Protein backbone atom coordinates (compact mmCIF):
# COMPACT_ATOMS: atom_id res chain seq x y z
CA MET A 1 102.84 111.89 104.60
CA ILE A 2 106.54 111.41 104.37
CA VAL A 3 108.21 113.90 102.07
CA GLY A 4 111.86 113.53 102.89
CA GLU A 5 114.61 111.77 104.72
CA ARG A 6 116.69 113.11 107.62
CA SER A 7 119.99 111.91 108.90
CA ARG A 8 119.11 112.65 112.49
CA GLU A 9 116.87 110.64 114.78
CA GLN A 10 114.09 113.22 115.31
CA ASP A 11 111.34 113.87 112.79
CA ILE A 12 110.56 117.29 111.40
CA GLU A 13 106.95 118.44 111.17
CA VAL A 14 106.37 119.99 107.73
CA ASN A 15 103.18 121.28 106.17
CA VAL A 16 103.77 120.75 102.42
CA CYS A 17 100.74 122.86 101.53
CA THR A 18 102.32 125.99 102.99
CA ALA A 19 105.94 125.21 102.26
CA GLU A 20 107.93 127.28 99.78
CA ALA A 21 106.93 126.68 96.18
CA ALA A 22 110.60 126.54 95.25
CA MET A 23 111.22 123.44 97.37
CA ARG A 24 112.43 120.61 95.18
CA LEU A 25 111.38 117.12 96.15
CA ASP A 26 113.38 114.12 95.01
CA GLU A 27 111.81 111.10 93.38
CA PRO A 28 110.20 108.65 95.80
CA ARG A 29 112.40 105.72 96.83
CA GLN A 30 111.33 102.34 95.69
CA PHE A 31 111.53 99.78 98.46
CA SER A 32 111.12 96.07 98.43
CA LEU A 33 108.94 94.67 101.23
CA GLU A 34 112.01 93.60 103.22
CA GLU A 35 113.70 97.01 102.80
CA ALA A 36 110.57 98.81 103.85
CA LEU A 37 110.24 96.68 106.99
CA GLU A 38 113.88 97.44 107.95
CA TYR A 39 113.33 101.15 107.30
CA THR A 40 110.32 101.54 109.68
CA SER A 41 110.83 102.68 113.25
CA CYS A 42 108.75 101.74 116.28
CA ASP A 43 106.34 104.72 115.85
CA GLU A 44 105.62 103.97 112.18
CA LEU A 45 103.42 101.50 110.28
CA LEU A 46 103.82 99.97 106.86
CA GLU A 47 100.57 99.82 104.84
CA ILE A 48 100.72 97.11 102.20
CA THR A 49 98.40 97.06 99.23
CA PRO A 50 98.77 95.04 95.98
CA LYS A 51 100.32 98.05 94.19
CA ASN A 52 101.95 100.16 96.90
CA LEU A 53 103.92 100.08 100.14
CA ARG A 54 103.09 103.16 102.25
CA LEU A 55 105.00 104.23 105.32
CA ARG A 56 103.13 106.33 107.88
CA LYS A 57 103.15 107.32 111.53
CA ARG A 58 101.28 105.07 113.90
CA VAL A 59 99.60 108.13 115.45
CA LEU A 60 98.80 110.64 112.70
CA SER A 61 98.13 113.81 114.78
CA LYS A 62 101.15 115.72 115.97
CA HIS A 63 99.34 116.63 119.18
CA ASP A 64 98.38 113.06 119.89
CA ARG A 65 101.94 111.81 119.19
CA GLN A 66 103.35 114.29 121.72
CA LYS A 67 100.72 113.24 124.22
CA SER A 68 101.46 109.53 123.72
CA ILE A 69 105.21 110.14 124.23
CA LYS A 70 104.51 111.86 127.55
CA ASN A 71 102.28 109.03 128.71
CA PHE A 72 104.83 106.39 127.69
């Protein structure tokens, strides 16, 4: 799940279930299909449904992502 945006290139692993309760999340950004495609990076996928556009990592597990980076 993507819960924020970072100005740097690296991603931050966050567990939103254990994060501070005082953390304030901004409203989700609304993208058009073209904007969402531009926003994705090479390790992400865009899931398209009739009602939603969902951005997610290509490899969901943090451990598997690190392993695939080493093998690449």
